[in-house]
């Protein structure tokens, strides 16, 4: 085999191996997002989402480490309408039960951020992510950051005049999570042989319409959740 052609074949094989690693990474992040949605649902059903009344992206990763820390967090919770109207008389142990759900939900969000960012930087530096693929992955990261902001926007709606978060903001938060999940799977599949097959236009249009209807149904479900 000529040397030039051999180099091309070797480069293609290397790229294929790199794309396989990228696919595994994206599918792993997708699995974490599914877990995040499940934990978020449990947090909603246990009415735990307002137990942490502040957004501290860095220091908030640590839970209360002393009795004084726990009491301080509990006092903050006592100041919001949910405690005054729904949970008046709740003890510290009861507060801890709802706190751990919300703390776990937020911690999982942070873990997903790192699980995406660190491999993203590695693949980008190695040149595996480039061109349109780099742009798509960067877009996914931006969507993830937006999801974190939407999450706090949702929580903030229940800290002053309500006993729960706004159902509209909840629906946006849930729908965006499902959209990100769909997008990350789509990017992963685009790196397979199946993802490169030419799809007839009517089938593609129908699939996108079905996805839009599913997301609309998820949004509607968020409006009546809990």
N, C-alpha and C. Protein backbone atom coordinates (compact mmCIF):
# COMPACT_ATOMS: atom_id res chain seq x y z
N UNK A 1 0.85 -1.19 0.00
CA UNK A 1 0.00 0.00 0.00
C UNK A 1 0.89 1.24 0.00
N UNK A 2 0.61 2.23 -0.87
CA UNK A 2 1.42 3.45 -0.90
C UNK A 2 1.42 4.13 0.46
N UNK A 3 2.53 4.82 0.73
CA UNK A 3 2.69 5.42 2.05
C UNK A 3 1.60 6.46 2.34
N UNK A 4 1.25 7.28 1.34
CA UNK A 4 0.24 8.32 1.55
C UNK A 4 -1.11 7.72 1.89
N UNK A 5 -1.48 6.66 1.14
CA UNK A 5 -2.77 6.03 1.40
C UNK A 5 -2.78 5.36 2.76
N UNK A 6 -1.65 4.78 3.14
CA UNK A 6 -1.54 4.14 4.45
C UNK A 6 -1.74 5.15 5.57
N UNK A 7 -1.19 6.34 5.38
CA UNK A 7 -1.35 7.38 6.39
C UNK A 7 -2.80 7.80 6.53
N UNK A 8 -3.50 7.87 5.37
CA UNK A 8 -4.92 8.26 5.40
C UNK A 8 -5.75 7.22 6.12
N UNK A 9 -5.49 5.93 5.81
CA UNK A 9 -6.22 4.85 6.46
C UNK A 9 -5.97 4.87 7.97
N UNK A 10 -4.70 5.11 8.34
CA UNK A 10 -4.35 5.16 9.76
C UNK A 10 -5.07 6.31 10.46
N UNK A 11 -5.13 7.46 9.78
CA UNK A 11 -5.81 8.62 10.36
C UNK A 11 -7.30 8.36 10.52
N UNK A 12 -7.90 7.70 9.50
CA UNK A 12 -9.33 7.37 9.58
C UNK A 12 -9.61 6.42 10.73
N UNK A 13 -8.72 5.43 10.89
CA UNK A 13 -8.90 4.47 11.99
C UNK A 13 -8.79 5.16 13.33
N UNK A 14 -7.83 6.09 13.43
CA UNK A 14 -7.66 6.83 14.68
C UNK A 14 -8.88 7.69 14.98
N UNK A 15 -9.42 8.33 13.93
CA UNK A 15 -10.61 9.16 14.12
C UNK A 15 -11.80 8.30 14.54
N UNK A 16 -11.92 7.11 13.92
CA UNK A 16 -13.01 6.21 14.28
C UNK A 16 -12.93 5.79 15.73
N UNK A 17 -11.72 5.49 16.19
CA UNK A 17 -11.54 5.12 17.59
C UNK A 17 -11.89 6.29 18.50
N UNK A 18 -11.49 7.51 18.09
CA UNK A 18 -11.80 8.70 18.88
C UNK A 18 -13.29 8.94 18.95
N UNK A 19 -13.98 8.76 17.82
CA UNK A 19 -15.43 8.96 17.80
C UNK A 19 -16.14 7.92 18.67
N UNK A 20 -15.60 6.72 18.72
CA UNK A 20 -16.20 5.71 19.59
C UNK A 20 -16.13 6.15 21.05
N UNK A 21 -14.99 6.71 21.43
CA UNK A 21 -14.84 7.21 22.80
C UNK A 21 -15.79 8.38 23.06
N UNK A 22 -15.96 9.23 22.06
CA UNK A 22 -16.89 10.36 22.20
C UNK A 22 -18.31 9.86 22.37
N UNK A 23 -18.68 8.85 21.57
CA UNK A 23 -20.03 8.29 21.70
C UNK A 23 -20.27 7.73 23.10
N UNK A 24 -19.31 6.98 23.61
CA UNK A 24 -19.45 6.41 24.96
C UNK A 24 -19.59 7.51 26.00
N UNK A 25 -18.80 8.56 25.83
CA UNK A 25 -18.87 9.70 26.75
C UNK A 25 -20.26 10.35 26.71
N UNK A 26 -20.77 10.60 25.51
CA UNK A 26 -22.06 11.25 25.39
C UNK A 26 -23.19 10.37 25.93
N UNK A 27 -23.12 9.07 25.66
CA UNK A 27 -24.15 8.17 26.19
C UNK A 27 -24.08 8.09 27.71
N UNK A 28 -22.88 8.15 28.27
CA UNK A 28 -22.74 8.13 29.73
C UNK A 28 -23.36 9.39 30.34
N UNK A 29 -23.12 10.53 29.71
CA UNK A 29 -23.73 11.77 30.20
C UNK A 29 -25.25 11.71 30.06
N UNK A 30 -25.72 11.12 28.96
CA UNK A 30 -27.17 10.97 28.76
C UNK A 30 -27.78 10.12 29.88
N UNK A 31 -27.08 9.05 30.28
CA UNK A 31 -27.57 8.21 31.37
C UNK A 31 -27.65 9.01 32.67
N UNK A 32 -26.66 9.86 32.90
CA UNK A 32 -26.69 10.71 34.10
C UNK A 32 -27.86 11.69 34.05
N UNK A 33 -28.17 12.17 32.86
CA UNK A 33 -29.30 13.10 32.72
C UNK A 33 -30.61 12.38 33.04
N UNK A 34 -30.74 11.13 32.58
CA UNK A 34 -31.94 10.35 32.91
C UNK A 34 -32.06 10.21 34.43
N UNK A 35 -30.94 9.89 35.08
CA UNK A 35 -30.94 9.79 36.54
C UNK A 35 -31.32 11.12 37.18
N UNK A 36 -30.82 12.20 36.60
CA UNK A 36 -31.13 13.54 37.11
C UNK A 36 -32.63 13.82 37.03
N UNK A 37 -33.25 13.43 35.93
CA UNK A 37 -34.69 13.65 35.77
C UNK A 37 -35.47 12.84 36.81
N UNK A 38 -35.04 11.61 37.05
CA UNK A 38 -35.71 10.76 38.04
C UNK A 38 -35.58 11.36 39.44
N UNK A 39 -34.37 11.78 39.79
CA UNK A 39 -34.15 12.39 41.11
C UNK A 39 -34.93 13.70 41.23
N UNK A 40 -34.99 14.45 40.13
CA UNK A 40 -35.77 15.69 40.14
C UNK A 40 -37.24 15.42 40.39
N UNK A 41 -37.75 14.34 39.78
CA UNK A 41 -39.15 13.97 40.02
C UNK A 41 -39.40 13.59 41.47
N UNK A 42 -38.46 12.85 42.05
CA UNK A 42 -38.59 12.47 43.46
C UNK A 42 -38.52 13.70 44.36
N UNK A 43 -37.66 14.63 43.99
CA UNK A 43 -37.54 15.87 44.77
C UNK A 43 -38.85 16.65 44.73
N UNK A 44 -39.50 16.65 43.57
CA UNK A 44 -40.79 17.32 43.45
C UNK A 44 -41.86 16.61 44.28
N UNK A 45 -41.91 15.29 44.18
CA UNK A 45 -42.96 14.53 44.86
C UNK A 45 -42.82 14.59 46.38
N UNK A 46 -41.59 14.71 46.87
CA UNK A 46 -41.37 14.81 48.31
C UNK A 46 -41.41 16.25 48.80
N UNK A 47 -41.72 17.17 47.89
CA UNK A 47 -41.80 18.60 48.21
C UNK A 47 -40.52 19.09 48.88
N UNK A 48 -39.39 18.67 48.31
CA UNK A 48 -38.09 18.99 48.89
C UNK A 48 -37.37 20.13 48.18
N UNK A 49 -37.91 20.58 47.06
CA UNK A 49 -37.18 21.49 46.20
C UNK A 49 -36.87 22.85 46.77
N UNK A 50 -37.60 23.26 47.82
CA UNK A 50 -37.36 24.58 48.41
C UNK A 50 -36.58 24.51 49.71
N UNK A 51 -36.05 23.33 50.02
CA UNK A 51 -35.36 23.17 51.30
C UNK A 51 -34.02 23.90 51.34
N UNK A 52 -33.43 24.15 50.17
CA UNK A 52 -32.20 24.94 50.10
C UNK A 52 -32.56 26.26 49.45
N UNK A 53 -32.44 27.32 50.21
CA UNK A 53 -32.98 28.62 49.78
C UNK A 53 -31.94 29.53 49.13
N UNK A 54 -30.74 29.03 48.91
CA UNK A 54 -29.69 29.83 48.29
C UNK A 54 -29.05 29.05 47.16
N UNK A 55 -28.48 29.79 46.22
CA UNK A 55 -27.76 29.15 45.12
C UNK A 55 -26.28 29.47 45.27
N UNK A 56 -25.51 28.46 45.65
CA UNK A 56 -24.06 28.61 45.82
C UNK A 56 -23.39 27.54 44.95
N UNK A 57 -23.07 27.87 43.71
CA UNK A 57 -22.54 26.86 42.78
C UNK A 57 -21.28 26.14 43.27
N UNK A 58 -20.44 26.81 44.05
CA UNK A 58 -19.19 26.20 44.50
C UNK A 58 -19.32 25.68 45.93
N UNK A 59 -19.52 26.58 46.88
CA UNK A 59 -19.56 26.18 48.28
C UNK A 59 -20.80 25.35 48.61
N UNK A 60 -21.83 25.46 47.79
CA UNK A 60 -23.05 24.69 48.04
C UNK A 60 -22.88 23.20 47.82
N UNK A 61 -21.75 22.80 47.24
CA UNK A 61 -21.51 21.37 47.03
C UNK A 61 -21.31 20.64 48.34
N UNK A 62 -20.93 21.37 49.38
CA UNK A 62 -20.74 20.76 50.69
C UNK A 62 -22.03 20.86 51.50
N UNK A 63 -22.48 19.77 52.10
CA UNK A 63 -23.67 19.83 52.96
C UNK A 63 -23.29 20.42 54.31
N UNK A 64 -24.26 20.72 55.15
CA UNK A 64 -23.93 21.17 56.51
C UNK A 64 -23.07 20.12 57.22
N UNK A 65 -22.03 20.59 57.89
CA UNK A 65 -21.07 19.66 58.51
C UNK A 65 -21.13 19.65 60.03
N UNK A 66 -21.94 20.52 60.60
CA UNK A 66 -22.04 20.57 62.06
C UNK A 66 -23.50 20.84 62.44
N UNK A 67 -23.79 20.66 63.70
CA UNK A 67 -25.15 20.94 64.18
C UNK A 67 -25.51 22.40 63.95
N UNK A 68 -24.53 23.27 64.15
CA UNK A 68 -24.77 24.71 63.95
C UNK A 68 -25.09 25.00 62.48
N UNK A 69 -24.38 24.32 61.58
CA UNK A 69 -24.63 24.51 60.15
C UNK A 69 -26.04 24.05 59.79
N UNK A 70 -26.43 22.90 60.33
CA UNK A 70 -27.78 22.39 60.06
C UNK A 70 -28.84 23.36 60.58
N UNK A 71 -28.62 23.88 61.75
CA UNK A 71 -29.59 24.80 62.34
C UNK A 71 -29.69 26.08 61.51
N UNK A 72 -28.56 26.54 61.00
CA UNK A 72 -28.56 27.75 60.18
C UNK A 72 -29.36 27.53 58.89
N UNK A 73 -29.18 26.37 58.27
CA UNK A 73 -29.95 26.06 57.05
C UNK A 73 -31.44 25.95 57.37
N UNK A 74 -31.74 25.35 58.50
CA UNK A 74 -33.13 25.18 58.90
C UNK A 74 -33.79 26.54 59.15
N UNK A 75 -33.07 27.46 59.75
CA UNK A 75 -33.61 28.79 60.01
C UNK A 75 -33.93 29.52 58.70
N UNK A 76 -33.10 29.32 57.70
CA UNK A 76 -33.37 29.93 56.39
C UNK A 76 -34.65 29.36 55.79
N UNK A 77 -34.83 28.05 55.95
CA UNK A 77 -36.04 27.42 55.43
C UNK A 77 -37.28 27.91 56.17
N UNK A 78 -37.14 28.14 57.47
CA UNK A 78 -38.28 28.61 58.26
C UNK A 78 -38.78 29.98 57.81
N UNK A 79 -37.94 30.71 57.09
CA UNK A 79 -38.30 32.07 56.70
C UNK A 79 -39.14 32.13 55.43
N UNK A 80 -39.35 30.99 54.75
CA UNK A 80 -40.10 31.01 53.49
C UNK A 80 -41.54 30.54 53.73
N UNK A 81 -42.46 30.91 52.85
CA UNK A 81 -43.88 30.56 53.04
C UNK A 81 -44.16 29.07 53.14
N UNK A 82 -43.39 28.23 52.45
CA UNK A 82 -43.68 26.79 52.50
C UNK A 82 -43.63 26.27 53.93
N UNK A 83 -42.65 26.71 54.69
CA UNK A 83 -42.57 26.27 56.08
C UNK A 83 -43.72 26.85 56.89
N UNK A 84 -43.94 28.14 56.75
CA UNK A 84 -44.95 28.81 57.56
C UNK A 84 -46.36 28.25 57.32
N UNK A 85 -46.65 27.91 56.08
CA UNK A 85 -48.02 27.50 55.72
C UNK A 85 -48.20 25.98 55.73
N UNK A 86 -47.20 25.25 55.23
CA UNK A 86 -47.36 23.81 55.06
C UNK A 86 -46.63 22.97 56.11
N UNK A 87 -45.48 23.44 56.55
CA UNK A 87 -44.63 22.59 57.40
C UNK A 87 -44.34 23.19 58.77
N UNK A 88 -45.22 24.06 59.23
CA UNK A 88 -45.04 24.66 60.54
C UNK A 88 -44.92 23.57 61.60
N UNK A 89 -43.91 23.65 62.42
CA UNK A 89 -43.70 22.64 63.46
C UNK A 89 -42.77 21.52 63.05
N UNK A 90 -42.34 21.51 61.79
CA UNK A 90 -41.38 20.50 61.35
C UNK A 90 -40.11 20.59 62.19
N UNK A 91 -39.58 19.45 62.60
CA UNK A 91 -38.34 19.43 63.36
C UNK A 91 -37.12 19.37 62.46
N UNK A 92 -35.97 19.44 63.08
CA UNK A 92 -34.72 19.43 62.31
C UNK A 92 -34.54 18.13 61.54
N UNK A 93 -34.94 17.01 62.14
CA UNK A 93 -34.78 15.73 61.45
C UNK A 93 -35.67 15.66 60.21
N UNK A 94 -36.87 16.20 60.32
CA UNK A 94 -37.75 16.25 59.15
C UNK A 94 -37.16 17.13 58.06
N UNK A 95 -36.56 18.24 58.46
CA UNK A 95 -35.92 19.13 57.50
C UNK A 95 -34.76 18.43 56.80
N UNK A 96 -34.00 17.66 57.55
CA UNK A 96 -32.87 16.95 56.95
C UNK A 96 -33.33 16.01 55.84
N UNK A 97 -34.48 15.38 56.05
CA UNK A 97 -34.97 14.43 55.03
C UNK A 97 -35.25 15.13 53.71
N UNK A 98 -35.87 16.30 53.75
CA UNK A 98 -36.14 16.99 52.48
C UNK A 98 -34.89 17.68 51.95
N UNK A 99 -34.01 18.10 52.86
CA UNK A 99 -32.77 18.76 52.44
C UNK A 99 -31.93 17.83 51.58
N UNK A 100 -31.81 16.56 52.00
CA UNK A 100 -30.92 15.64 51.28
C UNK A 100 -31.40 15.39 49.86
N UNK A 101 -32.70 15.40 49.63
CA UNK A 101 -33.20 15.22 48.26
C UNK A 101 -32.75 16.37 47.37
N UNK A 102 -32.95 17.59 47.84
CA UNK A 102 -32.58 18.74 47.02
C UNK A 102 -31.06 18.85 46.88
N UNK A 103 -30.35 18.58 47.96
CA UNK A 103 -28.89 18.63 47.88
C UNK A 103 -28.37 17.59 46.90
N UNK A 104 -28.92 16.39 46.93
CA UNK A 104 -28.51 15.35 46.00
C UNK A 104 -28.82 15.72 44.56
N UNK A 105 -29.96 16.35 44.36
CA UNK A 105 -30.35 16.79 43.01
C UNK A 105 -29.35 17.81 42.48
N UNK A 106 -28.99 18.75 43.31
CA UNK A 106 -28.02 19.78 42.88
C UNK A 106 -26.62 19.19 42.71
N UNK A 107 -26.24 18.28 43.60
CA UNK A 107 -24.92 17.66 43.47
C UNK A 107 -24.83 16.88 42.17
N UNK A 108 -25.89 16.17 41.82
CA UNK A 108 -25.89 15.42 40.57
C UNK A 108 -25.75 16.36 39.38
N UNK A 109 -26.37 17.53 39.47
CA UNK A 109 -26.21 18.52 38.40
C UNK A 109 -24.76 18.95 38.26
N UNK A 110 -24.09 19.15 39.39
CA UNK A 110 -22.67 19.52 39.34
C UNK A 110 -21.83 18.39 38.74
N UNK A 111 -22.13 17.16 39.13
CA UNK A 111 -21.39 16.02 38.61
C UNK A 111 -21.57 15.89 37.10
N UNK A 112 -22.78 16.14 36.63
CA UNK A 112 -23.02 16.09 35.19
C UNK A 112 -22.19 17.16 34.48
N UNK A 113 -22.11 18.33 35.10
CA UNK A 113 -21.30 19.39 34.51
C UNK A 113 -19.84 18.97 34.36
N UNK A 114 -19.28 18.38 35.40
CA UNK A 114 -17.89 17.92 35.32
C UNK A 114 -17.75 16.74 34.37
N UNK A 115 -18.74 15.84 34.38
CA UNK A 115 -18.69 14.67 33.50
C UNK A 115 -18.73 15.08 32.03
N UNK A 116 -19.30 16.24 31.77
CA UNK A 116 -19.31 16.73 30.39
C UNK A 116 -18.06 17.56 30.10
N UNK A 117 -17.74 18.49 31.00
CA UNK A 117 -16.69 19.46 30.72
C UNK A 117 -15.30 18.84 30.59
N UNK A 118 -14.93 17.97 31.52
CA UNK A 118 -13.56 17.44 31.51
C UNK A 118 -13.27 16.61 30.26
N UNK A 119 -14.13 15.64 29.88
CA UNK A 119 -13.87 14.93 28.62
C UNK A 119 -13.96 15.85 27.41
N UNK A 120 -14.85 16.83 27.47
CA UNK A 120 -14.96 17.79 26.36
C UNK A 120 -13.62 18.49 26.13
N UNK A 121 -13.01 18.96 27.20
CA UNK A 121 -11.71 19.63 27.07
C UNK A 121 -10.65 18.66 26.56
N UNK A 122 -10.67 17.43 27.06
CA UNK A 122 -9.69 16.43 26.63
C UNK A 122 -9.82 16.15 25.13
N UNK A 123 -11.05 15.88 24.69
CA UNK A 123 -11.25 15.57 23.27
C UNK A 123 -10.96 16.77 22.38
N UNK A 124 -11.26 17.97 22.88
CA UNK A 124 -11.00 19.17 22.09
C UNK A 124 -9.49 19.39 21.93
N UNK A 125 -8.75 19.22 23.01
CA UNK A 125 -7.29 19.40 22.95
C UNK A 125 -6.65 18.35 22.05
N UNK A 126 -7.17 17.13 22.09
CA UNK A 126 -6.62 16.06 21.26
C UNK A 126 -7.02 16.19 19.80
N UNK A 127 -7.92 17.10 19.50
CA UNK A 127 -8.34 17.30 18.12
C UNK A 127 -9.43 16.36 17.66
N UNK A 128 -9.98 15.57 18.58
CA UNK A 128 -11.07 14.66 18.21
C UNK A 128 -12.34 15.46 17.93
N UNK A 129 -12.57 16.49 18.74
CA UNK A 129 -13.70 17.38 18.51
C UNK A 129 -13.22 18.56 17.67
N UNK A 130 -13.79 18.68 16.50
CA UNK A 130 -13.42 19.80 15.63
C UNK A 130 -14.57 20.07 14.67
N UNK A 131 -14.57 21.25 14.12
CA UNK A 131 -15.59 21.61 13.14
C UNK A 131 -16.99 21.56 13.73
N UNK A 132 -17.95 21.02 12.96
CA UNK A 132 -19.35 20.97 13.41
C UNK A 132 -19.53 20.19 14.71
N UNK A 133 -18.75 19.12 14.89
CA UNK A 133 -18.89 18.32 16.11
C UNK A 133 -18.49 19.14 17.34
N UNK A 134 -17.43 19.91 17.22
CA UNK A 134 -17.01 20.77 18.32
C UNK A 134 -18.10 21.79 18.64
N UNK A 135 -18.68 22.37 17.60
CA UNK A 135 -19.74 23.37 17.80
C UNK A 135 -20.96 22.74 18.47
N UNK A 136 -21.32 21.52 18.06
CA UNK A 136 -22.47 20.85 18.67
C UNK A 136 -22.23 20.57 20.15
N UNK A 137 -21.04 20.07 20.47
CA UNK A 137 -20.73 19.75 21.87
C UNK A 137 -20.66 21.02 22.71
N UNK A 138 -20.13 22.08 22.14
CA UNK A 138 -20.10 23.35 22.85
C UNK A 138 -21.52 23.84 23.11
N UNK A 139 -22.39 23.65 22.12
CA UNK A 139 -23.79 24.02 22.29
C UNK A 139 -24.45 23.23 23.40
N UNK A 140 -24.12 21.94 23.49
CA UNK A 140 -24.66 21.11 24.57
C UNK A 140 -24.22 21.62 25.93
N UNK A 141 -22.96 22.04 26.02
CA UNK A 141 -22.45 22.56 27.29
C UNK A 141 -23.17 23.85 27.67
N UNK A 142 -23.41 24.71 26.70
CA UNK A 142 -24.13 25.95 26.97
C UNK A 142 -25.55 25.65 27.44
N UNK A 143 -26.19 24.67 26.80
CA UNK A 143 -27.54 24.28 27.23
C UNK A 143 -27.53 23.75 28.66
N UNK A 144 -26.48 23.02 29.02
CA UNK A 144 -26.38 22.52 30.39
C UNK A 144 -26.26 23.66 31.39
N UNK A 145 -25.46 24.67 31.05
CA UNK A 145 -25.35 25.83 31.92
C UNK A 145 -26.67 26.57 32.04
N UNK A 146 -27.37 26.68 30.91
CA UNK A 146 -28.68 27.33 30.91
C UNK A 146 -29.65 26.56 31.80
N UNK A 147 -29.56 25.23 31.77
CA UNK A 147 -30.45 24.42 32.59
C UNK A 147 -30.23 24.68 34.08
N UNK A 148 -28.97 24.87 34.47
CA UNK A 148 -28.70 25.20 35.86
C UNK A 148 -29.32 26.54 36.25
N UNK A 149 -29.21 27.52 35.36
CA UNK A 149 -29.80 28.84 35.63
C UNK A 149 -31.32 28.75 35.70
N UNK A 150 -31.91 27.97 34.80
CA UNK A 150 -33.37 27.80 34.82
C UNK A 150 -33.81 27.11 36.11
N UNK A 151 -32.99 26.16 36.59
CA UNK A 151 -33.31 25.48 37.84
C UNK A 151 -33.40 26.45 39.01
N UNK A 152 -32.43 27.37 39.09
CA UNK A 152 -32.48 28.34 40.18
C UNK A 152 -33.63 29.33 39.98
N UNK A 153 -33.87 29.72 38.73
CA UNK A 153 -35.01 30.59 38.40
C UNK A 153 -36.31 29.95 38.87
N UNK A 154 -36.41 28.64 38.70
CA UNK A 154 -37.59 27.90 39.15
C UNK A 154 -37.69 27.92 40.68
N UNK A 155 -36.60 27.59 41.36
CA UNK A 155 -36.61 27.55 42.83
C UNK A 155 -36.93 28.92 43.41
N UNK A 156 -36.36 29.97 42.81
CA UNK A 156 -36.57 31.32 43.32
C UNK A 156 -38.04 31.71 43.32
N UNK A 157 -38.82 31.11 42.43
CA UNK A 157 -40.24 31.46 42.35
C UNK A 157 -41.03 31.01 43.58
N UNK A 158 -40.47 30.10 44.36
CA UNK A 158 -41.19 29.59 45.52
C UNK A 158 -40.66 30.08 46.85
N UNK A 159 -39.81 31.08 46.83
CA UNK A 159 -39.16 31.51 48.08
C UNK A 159 -39.80 32.72 48.75
N UNK A 160 -40.74 33.38 48.06
CA UNK A 160 -41.27 34.61 48.65
C UNK A 160 -42.78 34.63 48.81
N UNK A 161 -43.52 34.31 47.76
CA UNK A 161 -44.98 34.47 47.83
C UNK A 161 -45.74 33.18 47.57
N UNK A 162 -45.04 32.06 47.44
CA UNK A 162 -45.69 30.79 47.12
C UNK A 162 -45.21 29.71 48.08
N UNK A 163 -45.98 28.62 48.13
CA UNK A 163 -45.56 27.46 48.93
C UNK A 163 -44.94 26.38 48.05
N UNK A 164 -44.87 26.64 46.76
CA UNK A 164 -44.23 25.71 45.82
C UNK A 164 -43.68 26.52 44.66
N UNK A 165 -42.90 25.89 43.81
CA UNK A 165 -42.34 26.61 42.68
C UNK A 165 -43.43 26.84 41.63
N UNK A 166 -43.19 27.81 40.77
CA UNK A 166 -44.12 28.08 39.67
C UNK A 166 -44.21 26.86 38.75
N UNK A 167 -45.42 26.44 38.45
CA UNK A 167 -45.59 25.28 37.58
C UNK A 167 -45.10 25.57 36.17
N UNK A 168 -45.14 26.83 35.77
CA UNK A 168 -44.66 27.19 34.44
C UNK A 168 -43.14 27.07 34.36
N UNK A 169 -42.47 27.53 35.40
CA UNK A 169 -41.01 27.42 35.42
C UNK A 169 -40.59 25.96 35.57
N UNK A 170 -41.36 25.21 36.34
CA UNK A 170 -41.08 23.78 36.47
C UNK A 170 -41.19 23.09 35.12
N UNK A 171 -42.22 23.43 34.36
CA UNK A 171 -42.42 22.82 33.05
C UNK A 171 -41.28 23.17 32.10
N UNK A 172 -40.81 24.41 32.16
CA UNK A 172 -39.67 24.81 31.33
C UNK A 172 -38.43 24.01 31.72
N UNK A 173 -38.20 23.88 33.03
CA UNK A 173 -37.03 23.15 33.54
C UNK A 173 -37.05 21.69 33.09
N UNK A 174 -38.19 21.04 33.22
CA UNK A 174 -38.32 19.64 32.82
C UNK A 174 -38.18 19.47 31.32
N UNK A 175 -38.84 20.32 30.56
CA UNK A 175 -38.80 20.20 29.10
C UNK A 175 -37.39 20.45 28.57
N UNK A 176 -36.70 21.42 29.14
CA UNK A 176 -35.33 21.69 28.70
C UNK A 176 -34.43 20.50 28.99
N UNK A 177 -34.62 19.85 30.13
CA UNK A 177 -33.83 18.66 30.46
C UNK A 177 -34.05 17.57 29.41
N UNK A 178 -35.29 17.36 29.03
CA UNK A 178 -35.61 16.33 28.04
C UNK A 178 -35.08 16.72 26.66
N UNK A 179 -35.12 18.01 26.35
CA UNK A 179 -34.56 18.47 25.07
C UNK A 179 -33.05 18.23 25.02
N UNK A 180 -32.37 18.54 26.12
CA UNK A 180 -30.92 18.31 26.18
C UNK A 180 -30.62 16.82 26.03
N UNK A 181 -31.42 15.98 26.69
CA UNK A 181 -31.25 14.53 26.57
C UNK A 181 -31.40 14.10 25.11
N UNK A 182 -32.42 14.60 24.44
CA UNK A 182 -32.64 14.26 23.04
C UNK A 182 -31.48 14.73 22.17
N UNK A 183 -31.00 15.94 22.45
CA UNK A 183 -29.92 16.51 21.65
C UNK A 183 -28.62 15.73 21.82
N UNK A 184 -28.31 15.33 23.04
CA UNK A 184 -27.05 14.64 23.28
C UNK A 184 -27.07 13.24 22.64
N UNK A 185 -28.23 12.60 22.66
CA UNK A 185 -28.36 11.29 22.00
C UNK A 185 -28.25 11.46 20.49
N UNK A 186 -28.84 12.53 19.96
CA UNK A 186 -28.77 12.78 18.52
C UNK A 186 -27.33 12.99 18.08
N UNK A 187 -26.56 13.74 18.87
CA UNK A 187 -25.16 13.98 18.52
C UNK A 187 -24.38 12.67 18.58
N UNK A 188 -24.63 11.86 19.60
CA UNK A 188 -23.93 10.58 19.72
C UNK A 188 -24.26 9.67 18.54
N UNK A 189 -25.51 9.62 18.15
CA UNK A 189 -25.91 8.76 17.03
C UNK A 189 -25.36 9.25 15.70
N UNK A 190 -25.11 10.54 15.61
CA UNK A 190 -24.56 11.07 14.35
C UNK A 190 -23.14 10.59 14.11
N UNK A 191 -22.52 10.03 15.14
CA UNK A 191 -21.14 9.56 15.02
C UNK A 191 -21.07 8.08 14.66
N UNK A 192 -22.22 7.44 14.49
CA UNK A 192 -22.26 6.03 14.11
C UNK A 192 -22.57 5.91 12.63
N UNK A 193 -22.40 4.71 12.11
CA UNK A 193 -22.74 4.48 10.71
C UNK A 193 -24.21 4.73 10.46
N UNK A 194 -25.04 4.34 11.46
CA UNK A 194 -26.48 4.54 11.31
C UNK A 194 -26.81 6.02 11.25
N UNK A 195 -26.04 6.82 12.00
CA UNK A 195 -26.30 8.25 12.02
C UNK A 195 -25.97 8.92 10.71
N UNK A 196 -25.13 8.28 9.87
CA UNK A 196 -24.73 8.88 8.60
C UNK A 196 -25.61 8.44 7.43
N UNK A 197 -26.54 7.52 7.68
CA UNK A 197 -27.43 7.09 6.61
C UNK A 197 -28.36 8.23 6.21
N UNK A 198 -28.62 8.32 4.92
CA UNK A 198 -29.50 9.37 4.43
C UNK A 198 -30.94 9.01 4.78
N UNK A 199 -31.59 9.89 5.51
CA UNK A 199 -32.97 9.66 5.94
C UNK A 199 -33.91 10.39 4.99
N UNK A 200 -34.92 9.71 4.47
CA UNK A 200 -35.88 10.38 3.58
C UNK A 200 -36.49 11.61 4.26
N UNK A 201 -36.69 12.65 3.50
CA UNK A 201 -37.19 13.91 4.05
C UNK A 201 -38.51 13.75 4.80
N UNK A 202 -39.49 12.99 4.26
CA UNK A 202 -40.76 12.84 5.00
C UNK A 202 -40.57 12.18 6.36
N UNK A 203 -39.67 11.18 6.41
CA UNK A 203 -39.42 10.50 7.68
C UNK A 203 -38.74 11.43 8.67
N UNK A 204 -37.79 12.21 8.18
CA UNK A 204 -37.11 13.17 9.06
C UNK A 204 -38.09 14.20 9.60
N UNK A 205 -38.94 14.72 8.72
CA UNK A 205 -39.93 15.71 9.14
C UNK A 205 -40.90 15.12 10.16
N UNK A 206 -41.35 13.89 9.88
CA UNK A 206 -42.27 13.23 10.81
C UNK A 206 -41.64 12.98 12.16
N UNK A 207 -40.36 12.61 12.15
CA UNK A 207 -39.65 12.35 13.41
C UNK A 207 -39.51 13.62 14.24
N UNK A 208 -39.17 14.71 13.57
CA UNK A 208 -39.04 15.98 14.28
C UNK A 208 -40.38 16.45 14.83
N UNK A 209 -41.44 16.22 14.06
CA UNK A 209 -42.77 16.59 14.52
C UNK A 209 -43.16 15.76 15.75
N UNK A 210 -42.85 14.47 15.70
CA UNK A 210 -43.15 13.60 16.84
C UNK A 210 -42.38 14.04 18.07
N UNK A 211 -41.10 14.38 17.89
CA UNK A 211 -40.30 14.85 19.01
C UNK A 211 -40.90 16.12 19.60
N UNK A 212 -41.33 17.04 18.73
CA UNK A 212 -41.93 18.28 19.21
C UNK A 212 -43.20 18.00 20.01
N UNK A 213 -44.00 17.05 19.54
CA UNK A 213 -45.24 16.70 20.25
C UNK A 213 -44.94 16.06 21.61
N UNK A 214 -43.91 15.21 21.65
CA UNK A 214 -43.52 14.59 22.92
C UNK A 214 -43.06 15.65 23.91
N UNK A 215 -42.24 16.59 23.44
CA UNK A 215 -41.77 17.66 24.32
C UNK A 215 -42.93 18.54 24.78
N UNK A 216 -43.89 18.75 23.90
CA UNK A 216 -45.07 19.53 24.28
C UNK A 216 -45.87 18.80 25.36
N UNK A 217 -45.98 17.48 25.21
CA UNK A 217 -46.69 16.69 26.22
C UNK A 217 -45.95 16.71 27.55
N UNK A 218 -44.62 16.66 27.49
CA UNK A 218 -43.82 16.74 28.72
C UNK A 218 -44.02 18.09 29.39
N UNK A 219 -44.05 19.15 28.58
CA UNK A 219 -44.28 20.48 29.13
C UNK A 219 -45.65 20.54 29.81
N UNK A 220 -46.66 19.99 29.14
CA UNK A 220 -48.01 19.99 29.73
C UNK A 220 -48.04 19.17 31.02
N UNK A 221 -47.30 18.06 31.03
CA UNK A 221 -47.22 17.25 32.25
C UNK A 221 -46.59 18.01 33.39
N UNK A 222 -45.57 18.83 33.06
CA UNK A 222 -44.92 19.63 34.09
C UNK A 222 -45.87 20.64 34.72
N UNK A 223 -46.85 21.09 33.96
CA UNK A 223 -47.81 22.07 34.48
C UNK A 223 -48.70 21.48 35.57
N UNK A 224 -48.92 20.17 35.51
CA UNK A 224 -49.82 19.55 36.49
C UNK A 224 -49.07 18.60 37.43
N UNK A 225 -47.73 18.62 37.39
CA UNK A 225 -46.94 17.69 38.20
C UNK A 225 -47.13 17.97 39.68
N UNK A 226 -47.27 16.90 40.45
CA UNK A 226 -47.35 17.03 41.90
C UNK A 226 -48.66 17.61 42.36
